[in-house]
Amino acid sequence: PAECAALVDTLVRIDRPRTNLDMSFTVGQRVSVGDGEHRGTVRYAGALPGKPDDELWLGVEWDEKRGKHDGLHSGSGQRFFTCAPGYGTFTRASKVFGGRTYRDAVEDRYGEDYDGTDEVGTMS
């Protein structure tokens, strides 16, 4: 059941080394670190100045204040995204686990043809 699936997922994450070749993240995607206790949203995915070109880096805006940045890369002075001070982090993609985007969650719930509106009854 669900407990077994969660345990298997945890074991796979621990035992299998992750490489940038098997990762794909998109801006707007929800991610977490550790056991999911810290969650955030990808605001940038790509290379960073001064880092190896074959590494995927993410700019993450965390849900709670736990970062060191606001989207400004201190090493280069280049802004990659914008968030409140102390809520942003640049991290290797191999350090986070991906989740579903908001759009994917809505499509899963309402179907691909959902146009964003609901029929609402009115009271007479």
N, C-alpha and C. Protein backbone atom coordinates (compact mmCIF):
# COMPACT_ATOMS: atom_id res chain seq x y z
N PRO A 1 0.81 -1.21 0.00
CA PRO A 1 0.00 0.00 0.00
C PRO A 1 0.85 1.27 0.00
N ALA A 2 0.26 2.37 0.39
CA ALA A 2 0.94 3.68 0.33
C ALA A 2 2.21 3.71 1.15
N GLU A 3 2.20 3.07 2.34
CA GLU A 3 3.40 3.06 3.17
C GLU A 3 4.55 2.35 2.48
N CYS A 4 4.24 1.26 1.81
CA CYS A 4 5.28 0.50 1.10
C CYS A 4 5.82 1.30 -0.08
N ALA A 5 4.95 1.94 -0.81
CA ALA A 5 5.38 2.75 -1.96
C ALA A 5 6.29 3.88 -1.50
N ALA A 6 5.95 4.52 -0.38
CA ALA A 6 6.77 5.61 0.14
C ALA A 6 8.14 5.09 0.57
N LEU A 7 8.18 3.92 1.19
CA LEU A 7 9.44 3.33 1.62
C LEU A 7 10.30 2.97 0.42
N VAL A 8 9.72 2.36 -0.59
CA VAL A 8 10.47 2.02 -1.80
C VAL A 8 11.02 3.27 -2.46
N ASP A 9 10.20 4.32 -2.55
CA ASP A 9 10.64 5.57 -3.14
C ASP A 9 11.83 6.14 -2.36
N THR A 10 11.75 6.10 -1.04
CA THR A 10 12.84 6.60 -0.20
C THR A 10 14.10 5.78 -0.43
N LEU A 11 13.99 4.47 -0.48
CA LEU A 11 15.15 3.62 -0.69
C LEU A 11 15.78 3.85 -2.06
N VAL A 12 14.96 4.03 -3.08
CA VAL A 12 15.48 4.30 -4.42
C VAL A 12 16.25 5.61 -4.42
N ARG A 13 15.70 6.63 -3.75
CA ARG A 13 16.38 7.92 -3.71
C ARG A 13 17.72 7.82 -2.99
N ILE A 14 17.81 6.99 -1.96
CA ILE A 14 19.04 6.88 -1.20
C ILE A 14 20.07 6.04 -1.96
N ASP A 15 19.64 4.92 -2.54
CA ASP A 15 20.56 3.95 -3.13
C ASP A 15 21.03 4.30 -4.53
N ARG A 16 20.22 4.97 -5.31
CA ARG A 16 20.58 5.22 -6.71
C ARG A 16 21.21 6.59 -6.85
N PRO A 17 22.46 6.67 -7.29
CA PRO A 17 23.05 8.00 -7.49
C PRO A 17 22.30 8.74 -8.59
N ARG A 18 22.04 9.99 -8.35
CA ARG A 18 21.32 10.79 -9.33
C ARG A 18 22.33 11.58 -10.15
N THR A 19 22.09 11.66 -11.42
CA THR A 19 22.95 12.45 -12.30
C THR A 19 22.10 13.48 -13.00
N ASN A 20 22.75 14.48 -13.56
CA ASN A 20 22.01 15.51 -14.29
C ASN A 20 21.38 14.95 -15.56
N LEU A 21 21.85 13.80 -16.01
CA LEU A 21 21.30 13.22 -17.23
C LEU A 21 19.88 12.71 -17.04
N ASP A 22 19.51 12.34 -15.81
CA ASP A 22 18.16 11.81 -15.60
C ASP A 22 17.26 12.80 -14.87
N MET A 23 17.63 14.07 -14.88
CA MET A 23 16.83 15.08 -14.21
C MET A 23 16.30 16.09 -15.20
N SER A 24 15.07 16.45 -15.02
CA SER A 24 14.53 17.58 -15.77
C SER A 24 13.60 18.34 -14.84
N PHE A 25 13.87 19.61 -14.71
CA PHE A 25 13.07 20.49 -13.87
C PHE A 25 12.63 21.66 -14.72
N THR A 26 11.46 22.18 -14.41
CA THR A 26 10.95 23.34 -15.13
C THR A 26 10.59 24.44 -14.14
N VAL A 27 10.69 25.66 -14.62
CA VAL A 27 10.30 26.80 -13.80
C VAL A 27 8.82 26.65 -13.44
N GLY A 28 8.52 26.83 -12.17
CA GLY A 28 7.16 26.66 -11.68
C GLY A 28 6.92 25.31 -11.03
N GLN A 29 7.85 24.38 -11.21
CA GLN A 29 7.70 23.04 -10.64
C GLN A 29 7.93 23.08 -9.14
N ARG A 30 7.13 22.32 -8.41
CA ARG A 30 7.29 22.20 -6.97
C ARG A 30 8.37 21.16 -6.67
N VAL A 31 9.22 21.45 -5.69
CA VAL A 31 10.29 20.55 -5.30
C VAL A 31 10.37 20.48 -3.77
N SER A 32 11.09 19.47 -3.29
CA SER A 32 11.31 19.35 -1.85
C SER A 32 12.72 18.83 -1.62
N VAL A 33 13.18 18.98 -0.38
CA VAL A 33 14.47 18.43 0.03
C VAL A 33 14.25 17.55 1.24
N GLY A 34 15.23 16.69 1.51
CA GLY A 34 15.13 15.80 2.66
C GLY A 34 13.94 14.87 2.52
N ASP A 35 13.20 14.73 3.59
CA ASP A 35 12.01 13.88 3.59
C ASP A 35 10.76 14.65 3.21
N GLY A 36 10.93 15.77 2.51
CA GLY A 36 9.80 16.57 2.09
C GLY A 36 9.42 17.64 3.09
N GLU A 37 10.24 17.81 4.14
CA GLU A 37 9.88 18.79 5.16
C GLU A 37 10.07 20.23 4.67
N HIS A 38 10.88 20.44 3.66
CA HIS A 38 11.07 21.77 3.08
C HIS A 38 10.62 21.73 1.63
N ARG A 39 9.69 22.60 1.29
CA ARG A 39 9.15 22.63 -0.07
C ARG A 39 9.32 24.02 -0.67
N GLY A 40 9.44 24.02 -1.99
CA GLY A 40 9.60 25.28 -2.68
C GLY A 40 9.22 25.16 -4.15
N THR A 41 9.46 26.24 -4.87
CA THR A 41 9.11 26.32 -6.29
C THR A 41 10.36 26.68 -7.09
N VAL A 42 10.60 25.96 -8.17
CA VAL A 42 11.73 26.26 -9.05
C VAL A 42 11.46 27.59 -9.75
N ARG A 43 12.38 28.51 -9.61
CA ARG A 43 12.29 29.83 -10.27
C ARG A 43 13.34 29.98 -11.37
N TYR A 44 14.35 29.11 -11.37
CA TYR A 44 15.39 29.12 -12.40
C TYR A 44 15.95 27.71 -12.52
N ALA A 45 16.23 27.27 -13.73
CA ALA A 45 16.89 25.98 -13.98
C ALA A 45 17.90 26.18 -15.09
N GLY A 46 19.16 25.90 -14.80
CA GLY A 46 20.19 26.06 -15.82
C GLY A 46 21.57 26.13 -15.22
N ALA A 47 22.49 26.69 -15.98
CA ALA A 47 23.88 26.82 -15.55
C ALA A 47 24.05 28.06 -14.68
N LEU A 48 25.11 28.06 -13.89
CA LEU A 48 25.48 29.23 -13.09
C LEU A 48 26.92 29.61 -13.40
N PRO A 49 27.21 30.90 -13.42
CA PRO A 49 28.58 31.34 -13.68
C PRO A 49 29.55 30.76 -12.64
N GLY A 50 30.69 30.28 -13.13
CA GLY A 50 31.70 29.75 -12.24
C GLY A 50 31.48 28.31 -11.83
N LYS A 51 30.43 27.69 -12.31
CA LYS A 51 30.13 26.29 -12.01
C LYS A 51 30.30 25.46 -13.29
N PRO A 52 30.62 24.17 -13.17
CA PRO A 52 30.78 23.33 -14.38
C PRO A 52 29.52 23.36 -15.25
N ASP A 53 29.73 23.43 -16.56
CA ASP A 53 28.62 23.52 -17.51
C ASP A 53 27.75 22.27 -17.54
N ASP A 54 28.27 21.15 -17.10
CA ASP A 54 27.48 19.91 -17.16
C ASP A 54 26.63 19.70 -15.90
N GLU A 55 26.59 20.68 -15.01
CA GLU A 55 25.75 20.58 -13.82
C GLU A 55 24.50 21.42 -13.98
N LEU A 56 23.36 20.84 -13.61
CA LEU A 56 22.10 21.58 -13.62
C LEU A 56 21.92 22.20 -12.25
N TRP A 57 21.73 23.50 -12.23
CA TRP A 57 21.50 24.24 -10.99
C TRP A 57 20.08 24.76 -10.98
N LEU A 58 19.50 24.83 -9.81
CA LEU A 58 18.15 25.35 -9.64
C LEU A 58 18.17 26.56 -8.72
N GLY A 59 17.38 27.54 -9.08
CA GLY A 59 17.08 28.64 -8.18
C GLY A 59 15.72 28.32 -7.59
N VAL A 60 15.67 28.12 -6.27
CA VAL A 60 14.44 27.70 -5.61
C VAL A 60 13.96 28.79 -4.67
N GLU A 61 12.67 29.10 -4.76
CA GLU A 61 12.03 29.97 -3.79
C GLU A 61 11.31 29.07 -2.79
N TRP A 62 11.77 29.09 -1.54
CA TRP A 62 11.21 28.22 -0.51
C TRP A 62 9.92 28.78 0.06
N ASP A 63 9.08 27.88 0.55
CA ASP A 63 7.81 28.30 1.16
C ASP A 63 8.03 29.01 2.49
N GLU A 64 9.11 28.66 3.19
CA GLU A 64 9.43 29.32 4.44
C GLU A 64 10.82 29.95 4.31
N LYS A 65 11.12 30.88 5.20
CA LYS A 65 12.41 31.56 5.14
C LYS A 65 13.51 30.59 5.55
N ARG A 66 14.30 30.17 4.56
CA ARG A 66 15.40 29.25 4.85
C ARG A 66 16.53 29.39 3.83
N GLY A 67 16.45 30.37 2.99
CA GLY A 67 17.46 30.54 1.96
C GLY A 67 18.47 31.61 2.31
N LYS A 68 19.41 31.81 1.41
CA LYS A 68 20.44 32.82 1.60
C LYS A 68 20.32 33.95 0.59
N HIS A 69 19.42 33.80 -0.38
CA HIS A 69 19.41 34.72 -1.50
C HIS A 69 17.99 35.23 -1.79
N ASP A 70 17.94 36.16 -2.75
CA ASP A 70 16.66 36.64 -3.27
C ASP A 70 16.63 36.49 -4.79
N GLY A 71 17.48 35.60 -5.31
CA GLY A 71 17.56 35.37 -6.74
C GLY A 71 18.76 36.00 -7.39
N LEU A 72 19.51 36.80 -6.62
CA LEU A 72 20.72 37.43 -7.12
C LEU A 72 21.90 36.51 -6.81
N HIS A 73 22.62 36.09 -7.85
CA HIS A 73 23.78 35.21 -7.67
C HIS A 73 24.94 36.06 -7.17
N SER A 74 25.35 35.81 -5.93
CA SER A 74 26.37 36.66 -5.31
C SER A 74 27.72 36.57 -6.00
N GLY A 75 28.05 35.43 -6.57
CA GLY A 75 29.34 35.28 -7.24
C GLY A 75 29.49 36.13 -8.49
N SER A 76 28.39 36.33 -9.21
CA SER A 76 28.46 37.05 -10.48
C SER A 76 27.72 38.39 -10.45
N GLY A 77 26.87 38.58 -9.46
CA GLY A 77 26.05 39.79 -9.42
C GLY A 77 24.90 39.76 -10.40
N GLN A 78 24.65 38.61 -11.01
CA GLN A 78 23.59 38.46 -12.01
C GLN A 78 22.31 37.98 -11.32
N ARG A 79 21.19 38.58 -11.67
CA ARG A 79 19.90 38.16 -11.12
C ARG A 79 19.29 37.09 -12.02
N PHE A 80 18.94 35.95 -11.41
CA PHE A 80 18.35 34.84 -12.14
C PHE A 80 16.86 34.70 -11.87
N PHE A 81 16.39 35.17 -10.71
CA PHE A 81 14.97 35.18 -10.38
C PHE A 81 14.78 36.19 -9.25
N THR A 82 13.54 36.42 -8.88
CA THR A 82 13.24 37.38 -7.82
C THR A 82 12.33 36.73 -6.79
N CYS A 83 12.69 36.89 -5.52
CA CYS A 83 11.84 36.45 -4.43
C CYS A 83 12.19 37.30 -3.21
N ALA A 84 11.46 37.11 -2.14
CA ALA A 84 11.73 37.86 -0.91
C ALA A 84 13.11 37.48 -0.38
N PRO A 85 13.84 38.44 0.20
CA PRO A 85 15.15 38.14 0.76
C PRO A 85 15.07 37.01 1.80
N GLY A 86 16.02 36.07 1.70
CA GLY A 86 16.08 34.96 2.64
C GLY A 86 15.21 33.77 2.27
N TYR A 87 14.49 33.85 1.14
CA TYR A 87 13.64 32.74 0.71
C TYR A 87 14.21 32.00 -0.49
N GLY A 88 15.31 32.46 -1.06
CA GLY A 88 15.86 31.85 -2.27
C GLY A 88 17.15 31.10 -2.02
N THR A 89 17.36 30.06 -2.83
CA THR A 89 18.57 29.24 -2.77
C THR A 89 18.95 28.83 -4.18
N PHE A 90 20.25 28.80 -4.43
CA PHE A 90 20.78 28.13 -5.62
C PHE A 90 21.32 26.79 -5.15
N THR A 91 20.87 25.72 -5.78
CA THR A 91 21.28 24.39 -5.35
C THR A 91 21.43 23.47 -6.55
N ARG A 92 22.26 22.47 -6.40
CA ARG A 92 22.39 21.45 -7.45
C ARG A 92 21.06 20.70 -7.57
N ALA A 93 20.69 20.39 -8.79
CA ALA A 93 19.44 19.66 -9.02
C ALA A 93 19.45 18.31 -8.31
N SER A 94 20.62 17.73 -8.12
CA SER A 94 20.72 16.42 -7.48
C SER A 94 20.35 16.46 -6.00
N LYS A 95 20.21 17.65 -5.43
CA LYS A 95 19.89 17.78 -4.01
C LYS A 95 18.39 17.87 -3.73
N VAL A 96 17.58 18.02 -4.78
CA VAL A 96 16.14 18.18 -4.57
C VAL A 96 15.36 17.09 -5.30
N PHE A 97 14.13 16.94 -4.90
CA PHE A 97 13.24 15.97 -5.52
C PHE A 97 12.07 16.71 -6.12
N GLY A 98 11.71 16.34 -7.36
CA GLY A 98 10.66 17.04 -8.08
C GLY A 98 9.27 16.62 -7.70
N GLY A 99 8.37 17.51 -7.93
CA GLY A 99 6.95 17.25 -7.72
C GLY A 99 6.20 17.65 -8.96
N ARG A 100 4.91 17.80 -8.84
CA ARG A 100 4.10 18.19 -9.99
C ARG A 100 3.97 19.70 -10.06
N THR A 101 3.84 20.22 -11.27
CA THR A 101 3.55 21.64 -11.43
C THR A 101 2.09 21.88 -11.07
N TYR A 102 1.76 23.11 -10.80
CA TYR A 102 0.38 23.47 -10.50
C TYR A 102 -0.52 23.09 -11.67
N ARG A 103 -0.06 23.38 -12.89
CA ARG A 103 -0.85 23.06 -14.08
C ARG A 103 -1.10 21.55 -14.19
N ASP A 104 -0.06 20.76 -13.94
CA ASP A 104 -0.23 19.30 -13.99
C ASP A 104 -1.25 18.83 -12.96
N ALA A 105 -1.20 19.40 -11.76
CA ALA A 105 -2.14 19.01 -10.71
C ALA A 105 -3.57 19.35 -11.12
N VAL A 106 -3.78 20.52 -11.71
CA VAL A 106 -5.12 20.92 -12.16
C VAL A 106 -5.59 20.00 -13.28
N GLU A 107 -4.70 19.71 -14.25
CA GLU A 107 -5.08 18.82 -15.35
C GLU A 107 -5.39 17.42 -14.86
N ASP A 108 -4.61 16.93 -13.87
CA ASP A 108 -4.90 15.62 -13.30
C ASP A 108 -6.28 15.59 -12.65
N ARG A 109 -6.63 16.67 -11.99
CA ARG A 109 -7.90 16.74 -11.27
C ARG A 109 -9.09 16.97 -12.19
N TYR A 110 -8.93 17.90 -13.14
CA TYR A 110 -10.07 18.33 -13.96
C TYR A 110 -10.00 17.88 -15.42
N GLY A 111 -8.87 17.34 -15.84
CA GLY A 111 -8.73 16.91 -17.23
C GLY A 111 -7.99 17.94 -18.05
N GLU A 112 -7.45 17.49 -19.18
CA GLU A 112 -6.63 18.37 -20.03
C GLU A 112 -7.42 19.51 -20.66
N ASP A 113 -8.73 19.34 -20.81
CA ASP A 113 -9.53 20.36 -21.47
C ASP A 113 -10.07 21.40 -20.51
N TYR A 114 -9.70 21.34 -19.24
CA TYR A 114 -10.21 22.29 -18.24
C TYR A 114 -9.77 23.70 -18.60
N ASP A 115 -10.72 24.63 -18.64
CA ASP A 115 -10.41 26.00 -19.06
C ASP A 115 -10.25 26.97 -17.89
N GLY A 116 -10.25 26.46 -16.67
CA GLY A 116 -10.03 27.33 -15.52
C GLY A 116 -11.27 27.91 -14.91
N THR A 117 -12.42 27.55 -15.42
CA THR A 117 -13.66 28.10 -14.86
C THR A 117 -14.53 26.96 -14.35
N ASP A 118 -15.31 27.25 -13.37
CA ASP A 118 -16.27 26.29 -12.83
C ASP A 118 -17.67 26.87 -13.03
N GLU A 119 -18.62 25.98 -13.22
CA GLU A 119 -20.00 26.43 -13.25
C GLU A 119 -20.46 26.57 -11.80
N VAL A 120 -20.96 27.73 -11.48
CA VAL A 120 -21.40 28.00 -10.13
C VAL A 120 -22.88 28.34 -10.17
N GLY A 121 -23.63 27.66 -9.35
CA GLY A 121 -25.07 27.96 -9.28
C GLY A 121 -25.34 29.27 -8.57
N THR A 122 -26.44 29.87 -8.86
CA THR A 122 -26.78 31.12 -8.18
C THR A 122 -28.03 30.89 -7.34
N MET A 123 -28.09 31.64 -6.28
CA MET A 123 -29.25 31.54 -5.41
C MET A 123 -30.31 32.53 -5.89
N SER A 124 -31.56 32.12 -5.87
CA SER A 124 -32.61 33.04 -6.31
C SER A 124 -33.40 33.53 -5.13
